[in-house]
Amino acid sequence: MTVQKIAASRIRRLAAFLASEKIPSISLLAKLLRVSRPTVRKYRKLIQETGYSCADFMILDPREMQDSLNQYNMHKGPDERFSTLLTVFPQIHANVSEGTANLRQTWTEYRKHHQGGYGYSQFAAHFLEWRKT
């Protein structure tokens, strides 16, 4: 599921909820803010990783809020799982091109060696995107 971008006013409300003594559940926050649960989780994590407390974050003006969130995102590189995936794609491509294996078979082998790796649908999507480039 793709996580959506939300308006600064909703980010401010989320920070206010997180700063309060009694924090509602993720589901309730999502309903109150009218966003998905993954979006709440993403922005909760981003707010926490900006270095501001939730109380300090919610008093920032919208431009400062976006700058601090964007600054964190710019410094964040690809995760280790994705980097590992990129290293195995050339061999997978060779096997699929030669006809010695299909994508499902190569994914099965990939998962044997990488227990925490991607599921098949994400594996296939990343492979097709990699192949286009």
N, C-alpha and C. Protein backbone atom coordinates (compact mmCIF):
# COMPACT_ATOMS: atom_id res chain seq x y z
N MET A 1 0.84 -1.17 0.00
CA MET A 1 0.00 0.00 0.00
C MET A 1 0.89 1.24 0.00
N THR A 2 0.59 2.18 -0.89
CA THR A 2 1.34 3.41 -0.97
C THR A 2 0.89 4.35 0.14
N VAL A 3 1.86 4.94 0.80
CA VAL A 3 1.55 5.87 1.87
C VAL A 3 1.38 7.25 1.26
N GLN A 4 0.28 7.91 1.59
CA GLN A 4 -0.04 9.19 0.98
C GLN A 4 0.63 10.34 1.72
N LYS A 5 0.79 11.47 1.00
CA LYS A 5 1.25 12.70 1.64
C LYS A 5 0.01 13.36 2.22
N ILE A 6 0.19 14.01 3.37
CA ILE A 6 -0.96 14.68 3.99
C ILE A 6 -0.63 16.14 4.25
N ALA A 7 -1.66 16.92 4.43
CA ALA A 7 -1.52 18.36 4.65
C ALA A 7 -0.85 18.64 5.99
N ALA A 8 -0.21 19.79 6.05
CA ALA A 8 0.49 20.20 7.28
C ALA A 8 -0.48 20.28 8.46
N SER A 9 -1.72 20.67 8.20
CA SER A 9 -2.69 20.76 9.30
C SER A 9 -2.96 19.39 9.92
N ARG A 10 -2.99 18.36 9.10
CA ARG A 10 -3.19 17.00 9.62
C ARG A 10 -1.95 16.50 10.35
N ILE A 11 -0.78 16.87 9.85
CA ILE A 11 0.46 16.50 10.53
C ILE A 11 0.51 17.17 11.90
N ARG A 12 0.08 18.43 11.95
CA ARG A 12 0.05 19.17 13.22
C ARG A 12 -0.92 18.50 14.20
N ARG A 13 -2.09 18.09 13.70
CA ARG A 13 -3.06 17.40 14.57
C ARG A 13 -2.51 16.08 15.07
N LEU A 14 -1.82 15.36 14.21
CA LEU A 14 -1.21 14.10 14.62
C LEU A 14 -0.17 14.35 15.72
N ALA A 15 0.67 15.36 15.53
CA ALA A 15 1.67 15.69 16.55
C ALA A 15 0.99 16.08 17.86
N ALA A 16 -0.13 16.78 17.78
CA ALA A 16 -0.86 17.17 18.99
C ALA A 16 -1.40 15.94 19.71
N PHE A 17 -1.94 14.99 18.96
CA PHE A 17 -2.42 13.75 19.58
C PHE A 17 -1.26 12.99 20.23
N LEU A 18 -0.13 12.95 19.53
CA LEU A 18 1.02 12.22 20.06
C LEU A 18 1.61 12.91 21.29
N ALA A 19 1.47 14.23 21.37
CA ALA A 19 1.99 14.98 22.51
C ALA A 19 1.08 14.87 23.73
N SER A 20 -0.17 14.51 23.51
CA SER A 20 -1.10 14.41 24.64
C SER A 20 -0.76 13.23 25.52
N GLU A 21 -1.26 13.25 26.74
CA GLU A 21 -0.96 12.19 27.69
C GLU A 21 -1.59 10.86 27.27
N LYS A 22 -2.79 10.92 26.74
CA LYS A 22 -3.46 9.70 26.33
C LYS A 22 -3.48 9.64 24.80
N ILE A 23 -2.65 8.77 24.25
CA ILE A 23 -2.52 8.66 22.80
C ILE A 23 -3.54 7.63 22.30
N PRO A 24 -4.42 8.03 21.36
CA PRO A 24 -5.38 7.07 20.81
C PRO A 24 -4.67 5.98 20.00
N SER A 25 -5.38 4.93 19.69
CA SER A 25 -4.82 3.85 18.88
C SER A 25 -4.57 4.36 17.46
N ILE A 26 -3.77 3.60 16.72
CA ILE A 26 -3.48 3.93 15.32
C ILE A 26 -4.78 4.00 14.51
N SER A 27 -5.67 3.05 14.75
CA SER A 27 -6.94 3.02 14.02
C SER A 27 -7.78 4.26 14.30
N LEU A 28 -7.85 4.64 15.57
CA LEU A 28 -8.63 5.82 15.92
C LEU A 28 -8.00 7.09 15.36
N LEU A 29 -6.66 7.19 15.44
CA LEU A 29 -5.99 8.34 14.84
C LEU A 29 -6.27 8.43 13.34
N ALA A 30 -6.23 7.29 12.67
CA ALA A 30 -6.49 7.27 11.23
C ALA A 30 -7.91 7.76 10.92
N LYS A 31 -8.87 7.33 11.73
CA LYS A 31 -10.25 7.77 11.52
C LYS A 31 -10.39 9.27 11.79
N LEU A 32 -9.79 9.73 12.89
CA LEU A 32 -9.89 11.14 13.24
C LEU A 32 -9.25 12.05 12.19
N LEU A 33 -8.12 11.60 11.64
CA LEU A 33 -7.40 12.41 10.65
C LEU A 33 -7.84 12.13 9.22
N ARG A 34 -8.67 11.09 9.06
CA ARG A 34 -9.16 10.67 7.75
C ARG A 34 -8.03 10.32 6.79
N VAL A 35 -7.12 9.50 7.31
CA VAL A 35 -6.01 8.97 6.52
C VAL A 35 -5.90 7.48 6.83
N SER A 36 -5.04 6.79 6.12
CA SER A 36 -4.87 5.35 6.35
C SER A 36 -3.97 5.09 7.57
N ARG A 37 -4.06 3.90 8.10
CA ARG A 37 -3.21 3.51 9.24
C ARG A 37 -1.73 3.56 8.87
N PRO A 38 -1.33 3.06 7.67
CA PRO A 38 0.09 3.17 7.32
C PRO A 38 0.59 4.62 7.24
N THR A 39 -0.30 5.53 6.84
CA THR A 39 0.08 6.94 6.79
C THR A 39 0.32 7.47 8.20
N VAL A 40 -0.54 7.09 9.15
CA VAL A 40 -0.34 7.51 10.54
C VAL A 40 0.99 6.98 11.05
N ARG A 41 1.27 5.71 10.79
CA ARG A 41 2.52 5.10 11.26
C ARG A 41 3.73 5.81 10.66
N LYS A 42 3.65 6.11 9.35
CA LYS A 42 4.77 6.76 8.68
C LYS A 42 5.04 8.13 9.29
N TYR A 43 4.01 8.94 9.43
CA TYR A 43 4.22 10.29 9.93
C TYR A 43 4.57 10.30 11.42
N ARG A 44 4.06 9.35 12.17
CA ARG A 44 4.46 9.23 13.58
C ARG A 44 5.96 8.97 13.66
N LYS A 45 6.43 8.06 12.84
CA LYS A 45 7.86 7.74 12.82
C LYS A 45 8.68 8.94 12.35
N LEU A 46 8.23 9.60 11.30
CA LEU A 46 8.96 10.76 10.78
C LEU A 46 9.05 11.88 11.82
N ILE A 47 7.95 12.13 12.50
CA ILE A 47 7.94 13.18 13.52
C ILE A 47 8.93 12.84 14.62
N GLN A 48 8.94 11.60 15.05
CA GLN A 48 9.84 11.18 16.11
C GLN A 48 11.30 11.26 15.68
N GLU A 49 11.58 11.02 14.41
CA GLU A 49 12.95 11.00 13.93
C GLU A 49 13.47 12.37 13.50
N THR A 50 12.64 13.40 13.53
CA THR A 50 13.12 14.74 13.18
C THR A 50 13.98 15.34 14.29
N GLY A 51 13.87 14.80 15.49
CA GLY A 51 14.64 15.34 16.61
C GLY A 51 13.83 16.29 17.48
N TYR A 52 12.65 16.68 17.01
CA TYR A 52 11.77 17.53 17.80
C TYR A 52 10.89 16.66 18.69
N SER A 53 10.51 17.20 19.83
CA SER A 53 9.47 16.52 20.60
C SER A 53 8.16 16.79 19.87
N CYS A 54 7.15 16.00 20.14
CA CYS A 54 5.86 16.20 19.47
C CYS A 54 5.29 17.58 19.79
N ALA A 55 5.47 18.03 21.04
CA ALA A 55 4.97 19.34 21.43
C ALA A 55 5.70 20.45 20.66
N ASP A 56 7.00 20.31 20.49
CA ASP A 56 7.77 21.31 19.73
C ASP A 56 7.44 21.24 18.25
N PHE A 57 7.24 20.05 17.74
CA PHE A 57 6.97 19.88 16.32
C PHE A 57 5.64 20.52 15.94
N MET A 58 4.63 20.39 16.81
CA MET A 58 3.31 20.89 16.44
C MET A 58 3.23 22.42 16.42
N ILE A 59 4.20 23.12 17.03
CA ILE A 59 4.17 24.59 17.00
C ILE A 59 5.00 25.17 15.86
N LEU A 60 5.66 24.32 15.08
CA LEU A 60 6.40 24.80 13.91
C LEU A 60 5.41 25.32 12.87
N ASP A 61 5.87 26.28 12.06
CA ASP A 61 5.00 26.71 10.98
C ASP A 61 5.04 25.65 9.88
N PRO A 62 4.06 25.62 9.00
CA PRO A 62 3.97 24.56 7.99
C PRO A 62 5.23 24.37 7.15
N ARG A 63 5.89 25.46 6.81
CA ARG A 63 7.11 25.36 5.99
C ARG A 63 8.23 24.67 6.77
N GLU A 64 8.40 25.04 8.04
CA GLU A 64 9.42 24.39 8.87
C GLU A 64 9.11 22.91 9.07
N MET A 65 7.82 22.62 9.22
CA MET A 65 7.41 21.22 9.36
C MET A 65 7.82 20.40 8.15
N GLN A 66 7.46 20.89 6.98
CA GLN A 66 7.78 20.17 5.74
C GLN A 66 9.29 20.08 5.54
N ASP A 67 10.02 21.17 5.85
CA ASP A 67 11.47 21.14 5.71
C ASP A 67 12.11 20.09 6.60
N SER A 68 11.64 20.01 7.85
CA SER A 68 12.23 19.02 8.76
C SER A 68 11.89 17.60 8.33
N LEU A 69 10.67 17.38 7.82
CA LEU A 69 10.31 16.05 7.32
C LEU A 69 11.08 15.71 6.06
N ASN A 70 11.22 16.68 5.16
CA ASN A 70 11.95 16.46 3.91
C ASN A 70 13.44 16.24 4.17
N GLN A 71 13.99 16.96 5.14
CA GLN A 71 15.41 16.82 5.46
C GLN A 71 15.69 15.40 5.91
N TYR A 72 14.82 14.84 6.72
CA TYR A 72 15.01 13.46 7.16
C TYR A 72 14.93 12.52 5.97
N ASN A 73 13.96 12.72 5.09
CA ASN A 73 13.78 11.82 3.94
C ASN A 73 14.95 11.88 2.98
N MET A 74 15.59 13.07 2.83
CA MET A 74 16.71 13.20 1.90
C MET A 74 17.92 12.42 2.39
N HIS A 75 18.12 12.34 3.69
CA HIS A 75 19.29 11.65 4.23
C HIS A 75 19.09 10.15 4.33
N LYS A 76 17.87 9.72 4.20
CA LYS A 76 17.58 8.30 4.33
C LYS A 76 17.85 7.62 3.00
N GLY A 77 18.75 6.66 2.98
CA GLY A 77 19.08 5.93 1.77
C GLY A 77 18.22 4.68 1.66
N PRO A 78 18.47 3.88 0.63
CA PRO A 78 17.70 2.64 0.50
C PRO A 78 18.01 1.70 1.67
N ASP A 79 17.01 0.96 2.09
CA ASP A 79 17.22 0.06 3.22
C ASP A 79 18.06 -1.14 2.80
N GLU A 80 18.56 -1.85 3.79
CA GLU A 80 19.47 -2.98 3.56
C GLU A 80 18.81 -4.09 2.75
N ARG A 81 17.54 -4.33 3.03
CA ARG A 81 16.83 -5.40 2.33
C ARG A 81 16.75 -5.10 0.84
N PHE A 82 16.47 -3.85 0.49
CA PHE A 82 16.38 -3.46 -0.91
C PHE A 82 17.76 -3.50 -1.57
N SER A 83 18.79 -3.05 -0.86
CA SER A 83 20.15 -3.09 -1.40
C SER A 83 20.58 -4.51 -1.70
N THR A 84 20.25 -5.43 -0.79
CA THR A 84 20.56 -6.84 -1.01
C THR A 84 19.84 -7.36 -2.25
N LEU A 85 18.59 -6.96 -2.39
CA LEU A 85 17.80 -7.39 -3.55
C LEU A 85 18.46 -6.95 -4.85
N LEU A 86 18.95 -5.73 -4.87
CA LEU A 86 19.59 -5.21 -6.09
C LEU A 86 20.84 -5.99 -6.47
N THR A 87 21.53 -6.55 -5.47
CA THR A 87 22.75 -7.31 -5.78
C THR A 87 22.44 -8.66 -6.41
N VAL A 88 21.26 -9.22 -6.16
CA VAL A 88 20.93 -10.53 -6.73
C VAL A 88 20.20 -10.44 -8.07
N PHE A 89 19.72 -9.27 -8.42
CA PHE A 89 18.97 -9.14 -9.68
C PHE A 89 19.77 -9.50 -10.93
N PRO A 90 21.04 -9.15 -11.06
CA PRO A 90 21.75 -9.53 -12.29
C PRO A 90 21.77 -11.05 -12.52
N GLN A 91 22.00 -11.83 -11.48
CA GLN A 91 22.01 -13.28 -11.63
C GLN A 91 20.59 -13.80 -11.94
N ILE A 92 19.61 -13.23 -11.29
CA ILE A 92 18.22 -13.62 -11.55
C ILE A 92 17.86 -13.33 -13.01
N HIS A 93 18.26 -12.16 -13.47
CA HIS A 93 17.98 -11.78 -14.86
C HIS A 93 18.64 -12.75 -15.83
N ALA A 94 19.87 -13.14 -15.52
CA ALA A 94 20.57 -14.09 -16.39
C ALA A 94 19.84 -15.43 -16.42
N ASN A 95 19.41 -15.92 -15.27
CA ASN A 95 18.70 -17.21 -15.20
C ASN A 95 17.37 -17.15 -15.95
N VAL A 96 16.64 -16.07 -15.77
CA VAL A 96 15.35 -15.93 -16.44
C VAL A 96 15.54 -15.78 -17.95
N SER A 97 16.54 -15.01 -18.36
CA SER A 97 16.80 -14.80 -19.78
C SER A 97 17.23 -16.08 -20.49
N GLU A 98 18.04 -16.90 -19.80
CA GLU A 98 18.50 -18.16 -20.37
C GLU A 98 17.39 -19.21 -20.41
N GLY A 99 16.34 -18.99 -19.62
CA GLY A 99 15.26 -19.95 -19.57
C GLY A 99 15.52 -21.08 -18.60
N THR A 100 16.54 -20.96 -17.76
CA THR A 100 16.84 -22.02 -16.79
C THR A 100 15.94 -21.94 -15.57
N ALA A 101 15.27 -20.81 -15.38
CA ALA A 101 14.35 -20.66 -14.24
C ALA A 101 13.36 -19.55 -14.57
N ASN A 102 12.21 -19.61 -13.91
CA ASN A 102 11.26 -18.51 -14.07
C ASN A 102 11.34 -17.62 -12.82
N LEU A 103 10.61 -16.53 -12.83
CA LEU A 103 10.70 -15.56 -11.74
C LEU A 103 10.24 -16.16 -10.42
N ARG A 104 9.22 -16.98 -10.44
CA ARG A 104 8.73 -17.60 -9.20
C ARG A 104 9.79 -18.52 -8.60
N GLN A 105 10.47 -19.29 -9.44
CA GLN A 105 11.52 -20.18 -8.94
C GLN A 105 12.69 -19.39 -8.35
N THR A 106 13.07 -18.31 -9.02
CA THR A 106 14.19 -17.50 -8.50
C THR A 106 13.80 -16.83 -7.19
N TRP A 107 12.53 -16.44 -7.08
CA TRP A 107 12.07 -15.86 -5.81
C TRP A 107 12.14 -16.89 -4.69
N THR A 108 11.75 -18.13 -4.98
CA THR A 108 11.81 -19.19 -3.96
C THR A 108 13.24 -19.37 -3.47
N GLU A 109 14.19 -19.36 -4.37
CA GLU A 109 15.61 -19.47 -3.98
C GLU A 109 16.05 -18.25 -3.17
N TYR A 110 15.63 -17.09 -3.62
CA TYR A 110 15.95 -15.84 -2.91
C TYR A 110 15.45 -15.91 -1.47
N ARG A 111 14.22 -16.38 -1.27
CA ARG A 111 13.65 -16.45 0.09
C ARG A 111 14.34 -17.50 0.95
N LYS A 112 14.87 -18.55 0.35
CA LYS A 112 15.61 -19.55 1.12
C LYS A 112 16.86 -18.93 1.75
N HIS A 113 17.50 -18.06 0.99
CA HIS A 113 18.74 -17.44 1.46
C HIS A 113 18.51 -16.14 2.24
N HIS A 114 17.36 -15.52 2.05
CA HIS A 114 17.05 -14.24 2.70
C HIS A 114 15.67 -14.36 3.36
N GLN A 115 15.65 -14.87 4.60
CA GLN A 115 14.38 -15.12 5.31
C GLN A 115 13.53 -13.86 5.43
N GLY A 116 14.15 -12.73 5.68
CA GLY A 116 13.40 -11.48 5.84
C GLY A 116 13.21 -10.73 4.55
N GLY A 117 13.38 -11.41 3.42
CA GLY A 117 13.28 -10.75 2.12
C GLY A 117 11.85 -10.43 1.73
N TYR A 118 11.72 -9.88 0.56
CA TYR A 118 10.43 -9.45 0.05
C TYR A 118 9.54 -10.63 -0.29
N GLY A 119 8.23 -10.41 -0.20
CA GLY A 119 7.27 -11.38 -0.69
C GLY A 119 7.29 -11.37 -2.21
N TYR A 120 6.61 -12.32 -2.81
CA TYR A 120 6.69 -12.48 -4.26
C TYR A 120 6.22 -11.24 -5.03
N SER A 121 5.09 -10.65 -4.63
CA SER A 121 4.56 -9.54 -5.42
C SER A 121 5.51 -8.33 -5.41
N GLN A 122 6.09 -8.01 -4.25
CA GLN A 122 7.04 -6.90 -4.20
C GLN A 122 8.34 -7.26 -4.91
N PHE A 123 8.77 -8.49 -4.76
CA PHE A 123 9.97 -8.98 -5.46
C PHE A 123 9.79 -8.80 -6.97
N ALA A 124 8.66 -9.26 -7.49
CA ALA A 124 8.40 -9.17 -8.92
C ALA A 124 8.30 -7.72 -9.38
N ALA A 125 7.64 -6.88 -8.60
CA ALA A 125 7.51 -5.47 -8.97
C ALA A 125 8.87 -4.78 -9.00
N HIS A 126 9.70 -5.04 -7.98
CA HIS A 126 11.04 -4.44 -7.96
C HIS A 126 11.89 -4.97 -9.11
N PHE A 127 11.75 -6.26 -9.41
CA PHE A 127 12.52 -6.83 -10.51
C PHE A 127 12.12 -6.20 -11.84
N LEU A 128 10.83 -6.05 -12.08
CA LEU A 128 10.39 -5.45 -13.35
C LEU A 128 10.83 -4.00 -13.46
N GLU A 129 10.79 -3.28 -12.35
CA GLU A 129 11.26 -1.88 -12.35
C GLU A 129 12.77 -1.84 -12.61
N TRP A 130 13.52 -2.73 -11.97
CA TRP A 130 14.97 -2.80 -12.16
C TRP A 130 15.29 -3.12 -13.63
N ARG A 131 14.55 -4.05 -14.20
CA ARG A 131 14.79 -4.46 -15.58
C ARG A 131 14.53 -3.32 -16.57
N LYS A 132 13.55 -2.48 -16.27
CA LYS A 132 13.27 -1.33 -17.14
C LYS A 132 14.45 -0.36 -17.17
N THR A 133 15.09 -0.21 -16.01
CA THR A 133 16.22 0.73 -15.95
C THR A 133 17.47 0.06 -16.45
